[in-house]
Amino acid sequence: MIKKAKHKQKLLEINDLELIMADINYLPLKTDSIDHIISVSAYNFITYGTHSLREKRKVVNNTAKYLNKLLREKGRIVIELYPESDDELDLFTSSFTKNGFEGYMIKNNPEQKSGQTFLLLKKKR
């Protein structure tokens, strides 16, 4: 993805964009240093390697808390994810609401149990 983004960056002659490859929980960024976060499909993998619901809850809560610290006041996040079930979707969404975010969820079909979902969130004041 970084390679593709760098190619597009060159084609579009965008010079004020820095691309970073890092673990979402260990980004080389200062607290209160960014305005926007966009995650395309990557958020599904933050619980990879966890074995219990307790471990998953801990990971998603810590990630939401960390992202909140990185964002400036009124910061926003757009996350595209593919939850496998309503329970998994609730796990992700509740981690954000518990850690200082509010916002909306968008699905192509409101009746769908899994599949492409977007979370449009902003940091609470």
N, C-alpha and C. Protein backbone atom coordinates (compact mmCIF):
# COMPACT_ATOMS: atom_id res chain seq x y z
N MET A 1 0.82 -1.19 0.00
CA MET A 1 0.00 0.00 0.00
C MET A 1 0.87 1.26 0.00
N ILE A 2 1.96 1.22 0.75
CA ILE A 2 2.86 2.38 0.79
C ILE A 2 3.45 2.62 -0.60
N LYS A 3 3.84 1.53 -1.25
CA LYS A 3 4.42 1.65 -2.59
C LYS A 3 3.42 2.27 -3.57
N LYS A 4 2.17 1.81 -3.51
CA LYS A 4 1.13 2.35 -4.39
C LYS A 4 0.87 3.82 -4.07
N ALA A 5 0.82 4.16 -2.80
CA ALA A 5 0.58 5.55 -2.40
C ALA A 5 1.71 6.46 -2.85
N LYS A 6 2.96 5.98 -2.75
CA LYS A 6 4.10 6.79 -3.20
C LYS A 6 4.03 7.03 -4.70
N HIS A 7 3.61 6.02 -5.44
CA HIS A 7 3.47 6.16 -6.90
C HIS A 7 2.42 7.23 -7.22
N LYS A 8 1.27 7.16 -6.54
CA LYS A 8 0.22 8.15 -6.77
C LYS A 8 0.67 9.54 -6.32
N GLN A 9 1.42 9.59 -5.25
CA GLN A 9 1.94 10.86 -4.74
C GLN A 9 2.81 11.54 -5.80
N LYS A 10 3.65 10.75 -6.45
CA LYS A 10 4.49 11.28 -7.53
C LYS A 10 3.65 11.74 -8.72
N LEU A 11 2.72 10.89 -9.14
CA LEU A 11 1.87 11.23 -10.29
C LEU A 11 1.08 12.53 -10.06
N LEU A 12 0.60 12.69 -8.85
CA LEU A 12 -0.22 13.86 -8.54
C LEU A 12 0.60 15.05 -8.05
N GLU A 13 1.92 14.84 -7.97
CA GLU A 13 2.85 15.88 -7.52
C GLU A 13 2.45 16.47 -6.17
N ILE A 14 2.19 15.57 -5.23
CA ILE A 14 1.84 15.97 -3.85
C ILE A 14 3.13 15.92 -3.03
N ASN A 15 3.56 17.07 -2.55
CA ASN A 15 4.83 17.14 -1.84
C ASN A 15 4.70 17.24 -0.32
N ASP A 16 3.51 17.54 0.17
CA ASP A 16 3.35 17.75 1.61
C ASP A 16 2.68 16.57 2.31
N LEU A 17 2.97 15.37 1.86
CA LEU A 17 2.39 14.16 2.41
C LEU A 17 3.51 13.23 2.84
N GLU A 18 3.47 12.81 4.10
CA GLU A 18 4.46 11.87 4.59
C GLU A 18 3.78 10.53 4.84
N LEU A 19 4.31 9.48 4.26
CA LEU A 19 3.76 8.14 4.41
C LEU A 19 4.60 7.37 5.43
N ILE A 20 3.91 6.69 6.35
CA ILE A 20 4.58 5.97 7.42
C ILE A 20 4.04 4.55 7.48
N MET A 21 4.92 3.57 7.58
CA MET A 21 4.49 2.20 7.80
C MET A 21 4.84 1.85 9.24
N ALA A 22 3.80 1.57 10.04
CA ALA A 22 4.02 1.29 11.46
C ALA A 22 2.81 0.56 12.04
N ASP A 23 3.00 -0.04 13.18
CA ASP A 23 1.93 -0.67 13.93
C ASP A 23 0.99 0.44 14.41
N ILE A 24 -0.31 0.23 14.28
CA ILE A 24 -1.29 1.26 14.64
C ILE A 24 -1.21 1.65 16.12
N ASN A 25 -0.67 0.79 16.96
CA ASN A 25 -0.53 1.09 18.39
C ASN A 25 0.82 1.68 18.76
N TYR A 26 1.71 1.81 17.78
CA TYR A 26 3.05 2.36 18.05
C TYR A 26 3.47 3.27 16.91
N LEU A 27 2.65 4.26 16.62
CA LEU A 27 2.96 5.19 15.54
C LEU A 27 4.00 6.21 16.01
N PRO A 28 4.92 6.57 15.16
CA PRO A 28 5.95 7.54 15.54
C PRO A 28 5.42 8.98 15.45
N LEU A 29 4.38 9.24 16.24
CA LEU A 29 3.72 10.55 16.23
C LEU A 29 3.56 11.06 17.66
N LYS A 30 3.54 12.37 17.81
CA LYS A 30 3.36 12.98 19.13
C LYS A 30 1.88 13.02 19.50
N THR A 31 1.61 13.06 20.78
CA THR A 31 0.26 13.24 21.29
C THR A 31 -0.31 14.56 20.75
N ASP A 32 -1.59 14.58 20.45
CA ASP A 32 -2.28 15.78 19.93
C ASP A 32 -1.59 16.36 18.70
N SER A 33 -1.17 15.51 17.78
CA SER A 33 -0.38 16.00 16.65
C SER A 33 -1.04 15.87 15.28
N ILE A 34 -2.18 15.18 15.19
CA ILE A 34 -2.79 14.99 13.87
C ILE A 34 -4.28 15.32 13.90
N ASP A 35 -4.80 15.68 12.73
CA ASP A 35 -6.20 16.07 12.61
C ASP A 35 -7.10 14.94 12.11
N HIS A 36 -6.55 14.05 11.27
CA HIS A 36 -7.38 13.02 10.65
C HIS A 36 -6.64 11.68 10.60
N ILE A 37 -7.40 10.62 10.76
CA ILE A 37 -6.89 9.25 10.61
C ILE A 37 -7.82 8.54 9.64
N ILE A 38 -7.24 7.87 8.66
CA ILE A 38 -8.02 7.07 7.72
C ILE A 38 -7.43 5.66 7.73
N SER A 39 -8.28 4.69 7.97
CA SER A 39 -7.85 3.29 7.96
C SER A 39 -8.71 2.52 6.97
N VAL A 40 -8.08 1.98 5.96
CA VAL A 40 -8.80 1.19 4.95
C VAL A 40 -8.46 -0.28 5.17
N SER A 41 -9.41 -1.01 5.69
CA SER A 41 -9.32 -2.47 5.91
C SER A 41 -8.34 -2.90 6.99
N ALA A 42 -7.38 -2.10 7.37
CA ALA A 42 -6.35 -2.52 8.31
C ALA A 42 -6.89 -2.77 9.72
N TYR A 43 -7.96 -2.10 10.10
CA TYR A 43 -8.45 -2.21 11.48
C TYR A 43 -8.88 -3.62 11.84
N ASN A 44 -9.31 -4.39 10.85
CA ASN A 44 -9.70 -5.78 11.12
C ASN A 44 -8.57 -6.62 11.70
N PHE A 45 -7.35 -6.23 11.45
CA PHE A 45 -6.21 -7.06 11.84
C PHE A 45 -5.63 -6.72 13.20
N ILE A 46 -6.19 -5.72 13.90
CA ILE A 46 -5.59 -5.36 15.18
C ILE A 46 -5.77 -6.44 16.24
N THR A 47 -6.75 -7.30 16.07
CA THR A 47 -6.96 -8.38 17.05
C THR A 47 -6.33 -9.70 16.61
N TYR A 48 -5.59 -9.67 15.51
CA TYR A 48 -4.94 -10.89 15.02
C TYR A 48 -4.03 -11.45 16.10
N GLY A 49 -4.13 -12.72 16.36
CA GLY A 49 -3.28 -13.37 17.35
C GLY A 49 -3.88 -13.39 18.75
N THR A 50 -5.01 -12.71 18.96
CA THR A 50 -5.66 -12.79 20.27
C THR A 50 -6.53 -14.03 20.29
N HIS A 51 -6.69 -14.60 21.47
CA HIS A 51 -7.40 -15.87 21.54
C HIS A 51 -8.72 -15.81 22.30
N SER A 52 -8.86 -14.84 23.16
CA SER A 52 -10.09 -14.76 23.95
C SER A 52 -10.77 -13.42 23.72
N LEU A 53 -12.04 -13.37 24.06
CA LEU A 53 -12.79 -12.13 23.95
C LEU A 53 -12.17 -11.06 24.85
N ARG A 54 -11.70 -11.46 26.00
CA ARG A 54 -11.06 -10.52 26.93
C ARG A 54 -9.83 -9.87 26.29
N GLU A 55 -9.00 -10.68 25.63
CA GLU A 55 -7.82 -10.15 24.94
C GLU A 55 -8.22 -9.18 23.82
N LYS A 56 -9.24 -9.57 23.06
CA LYS A 56 -9.71 -8.71 21.96
C LYS A 56 -10.21 -7.38 22.49
N ARG A 57 -11.01 -7.43 23.56
CA ARG A 57 -11.52 -6.19 24.16
C ARG A 57 -10.38 -5.29 24.60
N LYS A 58 -9.37 -5.88 25.20
CA LYS A 58 -8.23 -5.10 25.68
C LYS A 58 -7.52 -4.42 24.51
N VAL A 59 -7.29 -5.15 23.44
CA VAL A 59 -6.60 -4.61 22.26
C VAL A 59 -7.40 -3.48 21.63
N VAL A 60 -8.69 -3.69 21.37
CA VAL A 60 -9.48 -2.66 20.71
C VAL A 60 -9.65 -1.42 21.59
N ASN A 61 -9.80 -1.62 22.89
CA ASN A 61 -9.90 -0.47 23.80
C ASN A 61 -8.60 0.31 23.87
N ASN A 62 -7.48 -0.40 23.97
CA ASN A 62 -6.19 0.28 24.00
C ASN A 62 -5.91 1.03 22.70
N THR A 63 -6.31 0.45 21.57
CA THR A 63 -6.11 1.11 20.28
C THR A 63 -6.95 2.38 20.18
N ALA A 64 -8.22 2.31 20.56
CA ALA A 64 -9.08 3.49 20.52
C ALA A 64 -8.55 4.59 21.45
N LYS A 65 -8.10 4.20 22.61
CA LYS A 65 -7.54 5.16 23.57
C LYS A 65 -6.29 5.82 23.00
N TYR A 66 -5.44 5.04 22.38
CA TYR A 66 -4.21 5.55 21.78
C TYR A 66 -4.51 6.51 20.63
N LEU A 67 -5.44 6.15 19.76
CA LEU A 67 -5.79 7.01 18.64
C LEU A 67 -6.38 8.33 19.13
N ASN A 68 -7.15 8.27 20.22
CA ASN A 68 -7.70 9.48 20.80
C ASN A 68 -6.58 10.42 21.26
N LYS A 69 -5.54 9.86 21.84
CA LYS A 69 -4.41 10.68 22.30
C LYS A 69 -3.66 11.33 21.14
N LEU A 70 -3.58 10.65 20.01
CA LEU A 70 -2.88 11.20 18.85
C LEU A 70 -3.62 12.37 18.20
N LEU A 71 -4.94 12.31 18.24
CA LEU A 71 -5.75 13.33 17.56
C LEU A 71 -5.80 14.64 18.33
N ARG A 72 -5.77 15.72 17.56
CA ARG A 72 -5.99 17.04 18.13
C ARG A 72 -7.47 17.19 18.48
N GLU A 73 -7.80 18.26 19.18
CA GLU A 73 -9.19 18.57 19.49
C GLU A 73 -9.97 18.62 18.18
N LYS A 74 -11.15 18.06 18.17
CA LYS A 74 -12.02 17.96 16.99
C LYS A 74 -11.44 17.05 15.90
N GLY A 75 -10.46 16.21 16.24
CA GLY A 75 -9.90 15.27 15.28
C GLY A 75 -10.94 14.26 14.82
N ARG A 76 -10.71 13.72 13.64
CA ARG A 76 -11.68 12.79 13.04
C ARG A 76 -11.00 11.52 12.54
N ILE A 77 -11.79 10.46 12.54
CA ILE A 77 -11.31 9.15 12.06
C ILE A 77 -12.34 8.59 11.10
N VAL A 78 -11.85 8.01 10.00
CA VAL A 78 -12.68 7.23 9.09
C VAL A 78 -12.07 5.84 9.06
N ILE A 79 -12.87 4.85 9.41
CA ILE A 79 -12.38 3.48 9.43
C ILE A 79 -13.28 2.62 8.55
N GLU A 80 -12.66 1.92 7.62
CA GLU A 80 -13.37 0.92 6.84
C GLU A 80 -12.99 -0.43 7.42
N LEU A 81 -13.99 -1.22 7.77
CA LEU A 81 -13.69 -2.54 8.31
C LEU A 81 -14.72 -3.55 7.82
N TYR A 82 -14.42 -4.80 8.04
CA TYR A 82 -15.28 -5.90 7.59
C TYR A 82 -15.56 -6.81 8.78
N PRO A 83 -16.45 -6.42 9.68
CA PRO A 83 -16.75 -7.27 10.83
C PRO A 83 -17.40 -8.58 10.39
N GLU A 84 -17.08 -9.63 11.11
CA GLU A 84 -17.63 -10.94 10.76
C GLU A 84 -19.03 -11.15 11.33
N SER A 85 -19.40 -10.34 12.33
CA SER A 85 -20.70 -10.51 12.98
C SER A 85 -21.10 -9.21 13.67
N ASP A 86 -22.34 -9.17 14.13
CA ASP A 86 -22.79 -8.01 14.91
C ASP A 86 -21.99 -7.89 16.20
N ASP A 87 -21.63 -9.02 16.79
CA ASP A 87 -20.84 -8.99 18.04
C ASP A 87 -19.47 -8.35 17.81
N GLU A 88 -18.83 -8.71 16.71
CA GLU A 88 -17.53 -8.13 16.42
C GLU A 88 -17.66 -6.63 16.12
N LEU A 89 -18.69 -6.26 15.37
CA LEU A 89 -18.92 -4.84 15.09
C LEU A 89 -19.15 -4.08 16.39
N ASP A 90 -19.94 -4.64 17.29
CA ASP A 90 -20.20 -4.00 18.58
C ASP A 90 -18.91 -3.87 19.39
N LEU A 91 -18.04 -4.85 19.31
CA LEU A 91 -16.76 -4.80 20.00
C LEU A 91 -15.96 -3.57 19.54
N PHE A 92 -15.90 -3.37 18.23
CA PHE A 92 -15.16 -2.22 17.69
C PHE A 92 -15.84 -0.90 18.02
N THR A 93 -17.14 -0.80 17.76
CA THR A 93 -17.83 0.48 17.97
C THR A 93 -17.85 0.87 19.45
N SER A 94 -18.08 -0.08 20.33
CA SER A 94 -18.11 0.25 21.76
C SER A 94 -16.73 0.69 22.26
N SER A 95 -15.66 0.18 21.66
CA SER A 95 -14.32 0.61 22.08
C SER A 95 -14.12 2.09 21.81
N PHE A 96 -14.70 2.59 20.73
CA PHE A 96 -14.58 4.02 20.42
C PHE A 96 -15.47 4.87 21.33
N THR A 97 -16.69 4.43 21.55
CA THR A 97 -17.58 5.24 22.40
C THR A 97 -17.07 5.28 23.84
N LYS A 98 -16.46 4.21 24.31
CA LYS A 98 -15.90 4.17 25.67
C LYS A 98 -14.64 5.02 25.80
N ASN A 99 -14.01 5.34 24.69
CA ASN A 99 -12.72 6.03 24.73
C ASN A 99 -12.74 7.40 24.05
N GLY A 100 -13.87 8.09 24.17
CA GLY A 100 -13.92 9.49 23.80
C GLY A 100 -14.25 9.84 22.37
N PHE A 101 -14.98 8.96 21.68
CA PHE A 101 -15.39 9.24 20.31
C PHE A 101 -16.90 9.19 20.18
N GLU A 102 -17.40 9.91 19.18
CA GLU A 102 -18.80 9.82 18.81
C GLU A 102 -18.86 9.86 17.29
N GLY A 103 -19.98 9.36 16.74
CA GLY A 103 -20.05 9.39 15.29
C GLY A 103 -21.12 8.50 14.72
N TYR A 104 -20.86 8.04 13.50
CA TYR A 104 -21.84 7.30 12.72
C TYR A 104 -21.23 6.03 12.13
N MET A 105 -22.14 5.13 11.79
CA MET A 105 -21.76 3.91 11.10
C MET A 105 -22.54 3.86 9.80
N ILE A 106 -21.87 3.48 8.74
CA ILE A 106 -22.53 3.39 7.43
C ILE A 106 -22.31 1.99 6.87
N LYS A 107 -23.42 1.39 6.40
CA LYS A 107 -23.39 0.10 5.71
C LYS A 107 -24.21 0.25 4.44
N ASN A 108 -23.84 -0.46 3.39
CA ASN A 108 -24.65 -0.44 2.16
C ASN A 108 -26.06 -0.94 2.44
N ASN A 109 -26.13 -2.01 3.22
CA ASN A 109 -27.41 -2.61 3.54
C ASN A 109 -27.54 -2.66 5.07
N PRO A 110 -28.43 -1.87 5.65
CA PRO A 110 -28.57 -1.85 7.12
C PRO A 110 -28.89 -3.21 7.73
N GLU A 111 -29.40 -4.13 6.94
CA GLU A 111 -29.75 -5.46 7.44
C GLU A 111 -28.55 -6.41 7.47
N GLN A 112 -27.44 -6.03 6.85
CA GLN A 112 -26.29 -6.93 6.77
C GLN A 112 -25.70 -7.20 8.14
N LYS A 113 -25.28 -8.41 8.37
CA LYS A 113 -24.68 -8.81 9.64
C LYS A 113 -23.18 -8.65 9.61
N SER A 114 -22.60 -8.74 8.45
CA SER A 114 -21.15 -8.61 8.31
C SER A 114 -20.87 -7.86 7.02
N GLY A 115 -19.60 -7.72 6.68
CA GLY A 115 -19.26 -7.07 5.43
C GLY A 115 -18.80 -5.64 5.62
N GLN A 116 -18.59 -4.96 4.51
CA GLN A 116 -18.01 -3.63 4.51
C GLN A 116 -18.84 -2.66 5.36
N THR A 117 -18.14 -2.02 6.28
CA THR A 117 -18.75 -1.06 7.20
C THR A 117 -17.81 0.12 7.35
N PHE A 118 -18.36 1.31 7.46
CA PHE A 118 -17.56 2.51 7.68
C PHE A 118 -17.94 3.13 9.01
N LEU A 119 -16.94 3.50 9.79
CA LEU A 119 -17.15 4.26 11.02
C LEU A 119 -16.62 5.66 10.77
N LEU A 120 -17.48 6.65 10.94
CA LEU A 120 -17.10 8.06 10.78
C LEU A 120 -17.17 8.67 12.18
N LEU A 121 -16.02 8.94 12.75
CA LEU A 121 -15.94 9.31 14.16
C LEU A 121 -15.23 10.65 14.37
N LYS A 122 -15.58 11.29 15.46
CA LYS A 122 -14.85 12.49 15.84
C LYS A 122 -14.56 12.42 17.33
N LYS A 123 -13.50 13.06 17.70
CA LYS A 123 -13.08 13.11 19.10
C LYS A 123 -14.03 14.02 19.86
N LYS A 124 -14.54 13.52 20.99
CA LYS A 124 -15.41 14.36 21.82
C LYS A 124 -14.58 15.45 22.45
N ARG A 125 -15.21 16.53 22.75
CA ARG A 125 -14.51 17.67 23.37
C ARG A 125 -14.18 17.41 24.80
